[in-house]
PDB file of N, CA and C in Angstrom:
ATOM      1  N   MET A   1     106.776   3.918 -93.823  1.00  0.00           N
ATOM      2  CA  MET A   1     107.217   4.993 -92.940  1.00  0.00           C
ATOM      3  C   MET A   1     106.658   4.745 -91.540  1.00  0.00           C
ATOM      4  N   SER A   2     107.473   4.970 -90.566  1.00  0.00           N
ATOM      5  CA  SER A   2     107.124   4.753 -89.164  1.00  0.00           C
ATOM      6  C   SER A   2     106.122   5.810 -88.690  1.00  0.00           C
ATOM      7  N   THR A   3     105.077   5.357 -88.028  1.00  0.00           N
ATOM      8  CA  THR A   3     104.097   6.283 -87.456  1.00  0.00           C
ATOM      9  C   THR A   3     104.744   7.125 -86.366  1.00  0.00           C
ATOM     10  N   ALA A   4     105.587   6.493 -85.549  1.00  0.00           N
ATOM     11  CA  ALA A   4     106.279   7.230 -84.488  1.00  0.00           C
ATOM     12  C   ALA A   4     107.201   8.288 -85.084  1.00  0.00           C
ATOM     13  N   LEU A   5     107.863   7.962 -86.171  1.00  0.00           N
ATOM     14  CA  LEU A   5     108.743   8.924 -86.823  1.00  0.00           C
ATOM     15  C   LEU A   5     107.938  10.095 -87.395  1.00  0.00           C
ATOM     16  N   GLU A   6     106.782   9.805 -87.941  1.00  0.00           N
ATOM     17  CA  GLU A   6     105.912  10.874 -88.442  1.00  0.00           C
ATOM     18  C   GLU A   6     105.452  11.777 -87.298  1.00  0.00           C
ATOM     19  N   ARG A   7     105.091  11.177 -86.165  1.00  0.00           N
ATOM     20  CA  ARG A   7     104.685  11.966 -84.986  1.00  0.00           C
ATOM     21  C   ARG A   7     105.814  12.858 -84.503  1.00  0.00           C
ATOM     22  N   LEU A   8     107.028  12.286 -84.443  1.00  0.00           N
ATOM     23  CA  LEU A   8     108.181  13.045 -83.991  1.00  0.00           C
ATOM     24  C   LEU A   8     108.459  14.212 -84.935  1.00  0.00           C
ATOM     25  N   ALA A   9     108.450  13.954 -86.220  1.00  0.00           N
ATOM     26  CA  ALA A   9     108.685  15.017 -87.202  1.00  0.00           C
ATOM     27  C   ALA A   9     107.618  16.105 -87.071  1.00  0.00           C
ATOM     28  N   HIS A  10     106.371  15.698 -86.878  1.00  0.00           N
ATOM     29  CA  HIS A  10     105.289  16.673 -86.701  1.00  0.00           C
ATOM     30  C   HIS A  10     105.532  17.510 -85.446  1.00  0.00           C
ATOM     31  N   ARG A  11     105.910  16.866 -84.354  1.00  0.00           N
ATOM     32  CA  ARG A  11     106.161  17.583 -83.103  1.00  0.00           C
ATOM     33  C   ARG A  11     107.298  18.589 -83.281  1.00  0.00           C
ATOM     34  N   LEU A  12     108.324  18.200 -84.033  1.00  0.00           N
ATOM     35  CA  LEU A  12     109.461  19.083 -84.266  1.00  0.00           C
ATOM     36  C   LEU A  12     109.196  20.100 -85.370  1.00  0.00           C
ATOM     37  N   ARG A  13     108.054  19.951 -86.031  1.00  0.00           N
ATOM     38  CA  ARG A  13     107.650  20.835 -87.126  1.00  0.00           C
ATOM     39  C   ARG A  13     108.661  20.827 -88.268  1.00  0.00           C
ATOM     40  N   VAL A  14     109.066  19.602 -88.625  1.00  0.00           N
ATOM     41  CA  VAL A  14     109.966  19.407 -89.764  1.00  0.00           C
ATOM     42  C   VAL A  14     109.406  18.297 -90.641  1.00  0.00           C
ATOM     43  N   PRO A  15     109.729  18.300 -91.924  1.00  0.00           N
ATOM     44  CA  PRO A  15     109.308  17.189 -92.783  1.00  0.00           C
ATOM     45  C   PRO A  15     110.016  15.905 -92.352  1.00  0.00           C
ATOM     46  N   VAL A  16     109.377  14.781 -92.551  1.00  0.00           N
ATOM     47  CA  VAL A  16     109.950  13.490 -92.161  1.00  0.00           C
ATOM     48  C   VAL A  16     111.303  13.275 -92.834  1.00  0.00           C
ATOM     49  N   ASP A  17     111.453  13.733 -94.051  1.00  0.00           N
ATOM     50  CA  ASP A  17     112.723  13.525 -94.745  1.00  0.00           C
ATOM     51  C   ASP A  17     113.870  14.358 -94.164  1.00  0.00           C
ATOM     52  N   GLU A  18     113.573  15.233 -93.202  1.00  0.00           N
ATOM     53  CA  GLU A  18     114.610  16.007 -92.512  1.00  0.00           C
ATOM     54  C   GLU A  18     115.256  15.201 -91.382  1.00  0.00           C
ATOM     55  N   VAL A  19     114.646  14.088 -90.995  1.00  0.00           N
ATOM     56  CA  VAL A  19     115.179  13.263 -89.900  1.00  0.00           C
ATOM     57  C   VAL A  19     115.396  11.810 -90.363  1.00  0.00           C
ATOM     58  N   PRO A  20     116.048  11.609 -91.512  1.00  0.00           N
ATOM     59  CA  PRO A  20     116.184  10.250 -92.040  1.00  0.00           C
ATOM     60  C   PRO A  20     117.027   9.338 -91.162  1.00  0.00           C
ATOM     61  N   VAL A  21     117.967   9.900 -90.426  1.00  0.00           N
ATOM     62  CA  VAL A  21     118.832   9.080 -89.587  1.00  0.00           C
ATOM     63  C   VAL A  21     118.032   8.316 -88.526  1.00  0.00           C
ATOM     64  N   LEU A  22     116.898   8.857 -88.136  1.00  0.00           N
ATOM     65  CA  LEU A  22     116.084   8.192 -87.109  1.00  0.00           C
ATOM     66  C   LEU A  22     115.331   6.982 -87.647  1.00  0.00           C
ATOM     67  N   SER A  23     115.212   6.864 -88.942  1.00  0.00           N
ATOM     68  CA  SER A  23     114.459   5.747 -89.514  1.00  0.00           C
ATOM     69  C   SER A  23     115.145   4.397 -89.292  1.00  0.00           C
ATOM     70  N   ARG A  24     116.399   4.416 -88.903  1.00  0.00           N
ATOM     71  CA  ARG A  24     117.090   3.145 -88.628  1.00  0.00           C
ATOM     72  C   ARG A  24     116.691   2.535 -87.290  1.00  0.00           C
ATOM     73  N   TYR A  25     116.015   3.305 -86.461  1.00  0.00           N
ATOM     74  CA  TYR A  25     115.583   2.817 -85.146  1.00  0.00           C
ATOM     75  C   TYR A  25     114.191   2.209 -85.229  1.00  0.00           C
ATOM     76  N   ASP A  26     113.927   1.289 -84.308  1.00  0.00           N
ATOM     77  CA  ASP A  26     112.612   0.653 -84.311  1.00  0.00           C
ATOM     78  C   ASP A  26     111.557   1.607 -83.739  1.00  0.00           C
ATOM     79  N   GLU A  27     110.318   1.253 -83.976  1.00  0.00           N
ATOM     80  CA  GLU A  27     109.166   2.079 -83.584  1.00  0.00           C
ATOM     81  C   GLU A  27     109.198   2.413 -82.088  1.00  0.00           C
ATOM     82  N   GLU A  28     109.551   1.437 -81.270  1.00  0.00           N
ATOM     83  CA  GLU A  28     109.556   1.624 -79.817  1.00  0.00           C
ATOM     84  C   GLU A  28     110.562   2.691 -79.386  1.00  0.00           C
ATOM     85  N   ARG A  29     111.757   2.661 -79.960  1.00  0.00           N
ATOM     86  CA  ARG A  29     112.779   3.655 -79.599  1.00  0.00           C
ATOM     87  C   ARG A  29     112.401   5.052 -80.083  1.00  0.00           C
ATOM     88  N   ILE A  30     111.856   5.124 -81.278  1.00  0.00           N
ATOM     89  CA  ILE A  30     111.436   6.430 -81.803  1.00  0.00           C
ATOM     90  C   ILE A  30     110.309   6.993 -80.939  1.00  0.00           C
ATOM     91  N   LEU A  31     109.377   6.139 -80.546  1.00  0.00           N
ATOM     92  CA  LEU A  31     108.277   6.581 -79.694  1.00  0.00           C
ATOM     93  C   LEU A  31     108.800   7.074 -78.339  1.00  0.00           C
ATOM     94  N   ALA A  32     109.764   6.355 -77.762  1.00  0.00           N
ATOM     95  CA  ALA A  32     110.353   6.785 -76.490  1.00  0.00           C
ATOM     96  C   ALA A  32     111.025   8.149 -76.645  1.00  0.00           C
ATOM     97  N   PHE A  33     111.752   8.328 -77.749  1.00  0.00           N
ATOM     98  CA  PHE A  33     112.402   9.608 -78.013  1.00  0.00           C
ATOM     99  C   PHE A  33     111.369  10.710 -78.210  1.00  0.00           C
ATOM    100  N   GLU A  34     110.308  10.415 -78.927  1.00  0.00           N
ATOM    101  CA  GLU A  34     109.241  11.403 -79.146  1.00  0.00           C
ATOM    102  C   GLU A  34     108.628  11.824 -77.821  1.00  0.00           C
ATOM    103  N   GLN A  35     108.447  10.889 -76.910  1.00  0.00           N
ATOM    104  CA  GLN A  35     107.884  11.213 -75.597  1.00  0.00           C
ATOM    105  C   GLN A  35     108.834  12.091 -74.785  1.00  0.00           C
ATOM    106  N   ILE A  36     110.140  11.816 -74.888  1.00  0.00           N
ATOM    107  CA  ILE A  36     111.135  12.641 -74.200  1.00  0.00           C
ATOM    108  C   ILE A  36     111.108  14.061 -74.758  1.00  0.00           C
ATOM    109  N   VAL A  37     111.055  14.178 -76.077  1.00  0.00           N
ATOM    110  CA  VAL A  37     110.996  15.493 -76.724  1.00  0.00           C
ATOM    111  C   VAL A  37     109.728  16.224 -76.297  1.00  0.00           C
ATOM    112  N   HIS A  38     108.611  15.513 -76.276  1.00  0.00           N
ATOM    113  CA  HIS A  38     107.332  16.112 -75.871  1.00  0.00           C
ATOM    114  C   HIS A  38     107.426  16.658 -74.444  1.00  0.00           C
ATOM    115  N   ARG A  39     107.958  15.856 -73.541  1.00  0.00           N
ATOM    116  CA  ARG A  39     108.092  16.277 -72.140  1.00  0.00           C
ATOM    117  C   ARG A  39     109.024  17.491 -72.028  1.00  0.00           C
ATOM    118  N   ALA A  40     110.139  17.461 -72.756  1.00  0.00           N
ATOM    119  CA  ALA A  40     111.081  18.581 -72.717  1.00  0.00           C
ATOM    120  C   ALA A  40     110.442  19.870 -73.246  1.00  0.00           C
ATOM    121  N   MET A  41     109.664  19.747 -74.308  1.00  0.00           N
ATOM    122  CA  MET A  41     109.004  20.928 -74.869  1.00  0.00           C
ATOM    123  C   MET A  41     107.953  21.470 -73.901  1.00  0.00           C
ATOM    124  N   ASP A  42     107.228  20.585 -73.235  1.00  0.00           N
ATOM    125  CA  ASP A  42     106.252  21.023 -72.237  1.00  0.00           C
ATOM    126  C   ASP A  42     106.935  21.727 -71.067  1.00  0.00           C
ATOM    127  N   GLU A  43     108.049  21.171 -70.613  1.00  0.00           N
ATOM    128  CA  GLU A  43     108.775  21.781 -69.501  1.00  0.00           C
ATOM    129  C   GLU A  43     109.347  23.139 -69.892  1.00  0.00           C
ATOM    130  N   GLU A  44     109.830  23.256 -71.127  1.00  0.00           N
ATOM    131  CA  GLU A  44     110.354  24.529 -71.608  1.00  0.00           C
ATOM    132  C   GLU A  44     109.245  25.577 -71.665  1.00  0.00           C
ATOM    133  N   GLU A  45     108.088  25.172 -72.139  1.00  0.00           N
ATOM    134  CA  GLU A  45     106.944  26.095 -72.206  1.00  0.00           C
ATOM    135  C   GLU A  45     106.534  26.550 -70.809  1.00  0.00           C
ATOM    136  N   ALA A  46     106.509  25.622 -69.859  1.00  0.00           N
ATOM    137  CA  ALA A  46     106.147  25.970 -68.483  1.00  0.00           C
ATOM    138  C   ALA A  46     107.184  26.917 -67.877  1.00  0.00           C
ATOM    139  N   ALA A  47     108.468  26.667 -68.129  1.00  0.00           N
ATOM    140  CA  ALA A  47     109.525  27.537 -67.607  1.00  0.00           C
ATOM    141  C   ALA A  47     109.416  28.929 -68.225  1.00  0.00           C
ATOM    142  N   PHE A  48     109.128  28.997 -69.513  1.00  0.00           N
ATOM    143  CA  PHE A  48     108.959  30.279 -70.175  1.00  0.00           C
ATOM    144  C   PHE A  48     107.806  31.053 -69.539  1.00  0.00           C
ATOM    145  N   THR A  49     106.687  30.368 -69.338  1.00  0.00           N
ATOM    146  CA  THR A  49     105.507  31.012 -68.757  1.00  0.00           C
ATOM    147  C   THR A  49     105.801  31.524 -67.349  1.00  0.00           C
ATOM    148  N   ARG A  50     106.470  30.689 -66.525  1.00  0.00           N
ATOM    149  CA  ARG A  50     106.825  31.123 -65.165  1.00  0.00           C
ATOM    150  C   ARG A  50     107.749  32.333 -65.209  1.00  0.00           C
ATOM    151  N   GLY A  51     108.738  32.289 -66.085  1.00  0.00           N
ATOM    152  CA  GLY A  51     109.672  33.408 -66.200  1.00  0.00           C
ATOM    153  C   GLY A  51     108.979  34.678 -66.649  1.00  0.00           C
ATOM    154  N   LEU A  52     108.070  34.543 -67.594  1.00  0.00           N
ATOM    155  CA  LEU A  52     107.325  35.702 -68.076  1.00  0.00           C
ATOM    156  C   LEU A  52     106.471  36.298 -66.958  1.00  0.00           C
ATOM    157  N   GLU A  53     105.782  35.448 -66.237  1.00  0.00           N
ATOM    158  CA  GLU A  53     104.934  35.935 -65.140  1.00  0.00           C
ATOM    159  C   GLU A  53     105.788  36.610 -64.063  1.00  0.00           C
ATOM    160  N   ASP A  54     106.946  36.032 -63.763  1.00  0.00           N
ATOM    161  CA  ASP A  54     107.838  36.647 -62.776  1.00  0.00           C
ATOM    162  C   ASP A  54     108.323  38.009 -63.265  1.00  0.00           C
ATOM    163  N   ALA A  55     108.692  38.095 -64.540  1.00  0.00           N
ATOM    164  CA  ALA A  55     109.189  39.354 -65.097  1.00  0.00           C
ATOM    165  C   ALA A  55     108.102  40.428 -65.097  1.00  0.00           C
ATOM    166  N   LEU A  56     106.875  40.013 -65.321  1.00  0.00           N
ATOM    167  CA  LEU A  56     105.779  40.984 -65.383  1.00  0.00           C
ATOM    168  C   LEU A  56     105.475  41.616 -64.030  1.00  0.00           C
ATOM    169  N   GLU A  57     105.986  41.037 -62.963  1.00  0.00           N
ATOM    170  CA  GLU A  57     105.791  41.631 -61.637  1.00  0.00           C
ATOM    171  C   GLU A  57     106.447  43.016 -61.557  1.00  0.00           C
ATOM    172  N   PHE A  58     107.429  43.268 -62.428  1.00  0.00           N
ATOM    173  CA  PHE A  58     108.136  44.546 -62.414  1.00  0.00           C
ATOM    174  C   PHE A  58     107.476  45.588 -63.318  1.00  0.00           C
ATOM    175  N   VAL A  59     106.433  45.192 -64.017  1.00  0.00           N
ATOM    176  CA  VAL A  59     105.733  46.083 -64.942  1.00  0.00           C
ATOM    177  C   VAL A  59     104.454  46.571 -64.253  1.00  0.00           C
ATOM    178  N   PRO A  60     104.155  47.861 -64.372  1.00  0.00           N
ATOM    179  CA  PRO A  60     102.906  48.349 -63.775  1.00  0.00           C
ATOM    180  C   PRO A  60     101.704  47.537 -64.290  1.00  0.00           C
ATOM    181  N   ARG A  61     100.779  47.263 -63.386  1.00  0.00           N
ATOM    182  CA  ARG A  61      99.638  46.381 -63.660  1.00  0.00           C
ATOM    183  C   ARG A  61      98.885  46.745 -64.948  1.00  0.00           C
ATOM    184  N   LEU A  62      98.656  48.021 -65.186  1.00  0.00           N
ATOM    185  CA  LEU A  62      97.897  48.429 -66.372  1.00  0.00           C
ATOM    186  C   LEU A  62      98.641  48.139 -67.677  1.00  0.00           C
ATOM    187  N   LEU A  63      99.963  48.035 -67.612  1.00  0.00           N
ATOM    188  CA  LEU A  63     100.754  47.794 -68.816  1.00  0.00           C
ATOM    189  C   LEU A  63     101.057  46.317 -69.045  1.00  0.00           C
ATOM    190  N   ARG A  64     100.721  45.468 -68.094  1.00  0.00           N
ATOM    191  CA  ARG A  64     101.078  44.048 -68.188  1.00  0.00           C
ATOM    192  C   ARG A  64     100.521  43.339 -69.420  1.00  0.00           C
ATOM    193  N   PRO A  65      99.242  43.547 -69.784  1.00  0.00           N
ATOM    194  CA  PRO A  65      98.755  42.847 -70.985  1.00  0.00           C
ATOM    195  C   PRO A  65      99.556  43.190 -72.237  1.00  0.00           C
ATOM    196  N   VAL A  66      99.900  44.456 -72.399  1.00  0.00           N
ATOM    197  CA  VAL A  66     100.676  44.881 -73.565  1.00  0.00           C
ATOM    198  C   VAL A  66     102.089  44.306 -73.482  1.00  0.00           C
ATOM    199  N   ALA A  67     102.699  44.386 -72.307  1.00  0.00           N
ATOM    200  CA  ALA A  67     104.055  43.865 -72.130  1.00  0.00           C
ATOM    201  C   ALA A  67     104.093  42.363 -72.363  1.00  0.00           C
ATOM    202  N   LYS A  68     103.079  41.668 -71.870  1.00  0.00           N
ATOM    203  CA  LYS A  68     103.026  40.212 -72.038  1.00  0.00           C
ATOM    204  C   LYS A  68     102.947  39.858 -73.528  1.00  0.00           C
ATOM    205  N   LYS A  69     102.128  40.573 -74.253  1.00  0.00           N
ATOM    206  CA  LYS A  69     102.004  40.314 -75.683  1.00  0.00           C
ATOM    207  C   LYS A  69     103.317  40.606 -76.394  1.00  0.00           C
ATOM    208  N   MET A  70     103.987  41.690 -76.032  1.00  0.00           N
ATOM    209  CA  MET A  70     105.253  42.051 -76.650  1.00  0.00           C
ATOM    210  C   MET A  70     106.348  41.026 -76.355  1.00  0.00           C
ATOM    211  N   LEU A  71     106.305  40.421 -75.171  1.00  0.00           N
ATOM    212  CA  LEU A  71     107.335  39.455 -74.769  1.00  0.00           C
ATOM    213  C   LEU A  71     107.035  38.027 -75.217  1.00  0.00           C
ATOM    214  N   GLY A  72     105.937  37.836 -75.896  1.00  0.00           N
ATOM    215  CA  GLY A  72     105.646  36.504 -76.423  1.00  0.00           C
ATOM    216  C   GLY A  72     104.718  35.670 -75.576  1.00  0.00           C
ATOM    217  N   GLY A  73     104.053  36.278 -74.616  1.00  0.00           N
ATOM    218  CA  GLY A  73     103.082  35.548 -73.818  1.00  0.00           C
ATOM    219  C   GLY A  73     101.928  35.088 -74.669  1.00  0.00           C
ATOM    220  N   GLY A  74     101.409  33.915 -74.371  1.00  0.00           N
ATOM    221  CA  GLY A  74     100.300  33.383 -75.139  1.00  0.00           C
ATOM    222  C   GLY A  74     100.739  32.767 -76.453  1.00  0.00           C
ATOM    223  N   ARG A  75     102.052  32.485 -76.525  1.00  0.00           N
ATOM    224  CA  ARG A  75     102.530  31.841 -77.766  1.00  0.00           C
ATOM    225  C   ARG A  75     101.951  30.449 -77.856  1.00  0.00           C
ATOM    226  N   GLY A  76     101.756  29.968 -79.023  1.00  0.00           N
ATOM    227  CA  GLY A  76     101.092  28.694 -79.148  1.00  0.00           C
ATOM    228  C   GLY A  76     101.804  27.817 -80.025  1.00  0.00           C
TER     229      GLY A  76
END
């Protein structure tokens, strides 16, 4: 089993057997794809955080911690 494929499956939070079609690719291509997925997920998280912070500007300051928690802020 490819180490890169295992990393990719872990990043996607799926079992390796859920992505069997990727096993036909060599380690280098799978690793490149995993890096693209990693970057995309990081960018999505950053966009979510920026959007949440922007939206919270419309919420009274004292209610922001509760609103942030309700809207999924601090998701991990």
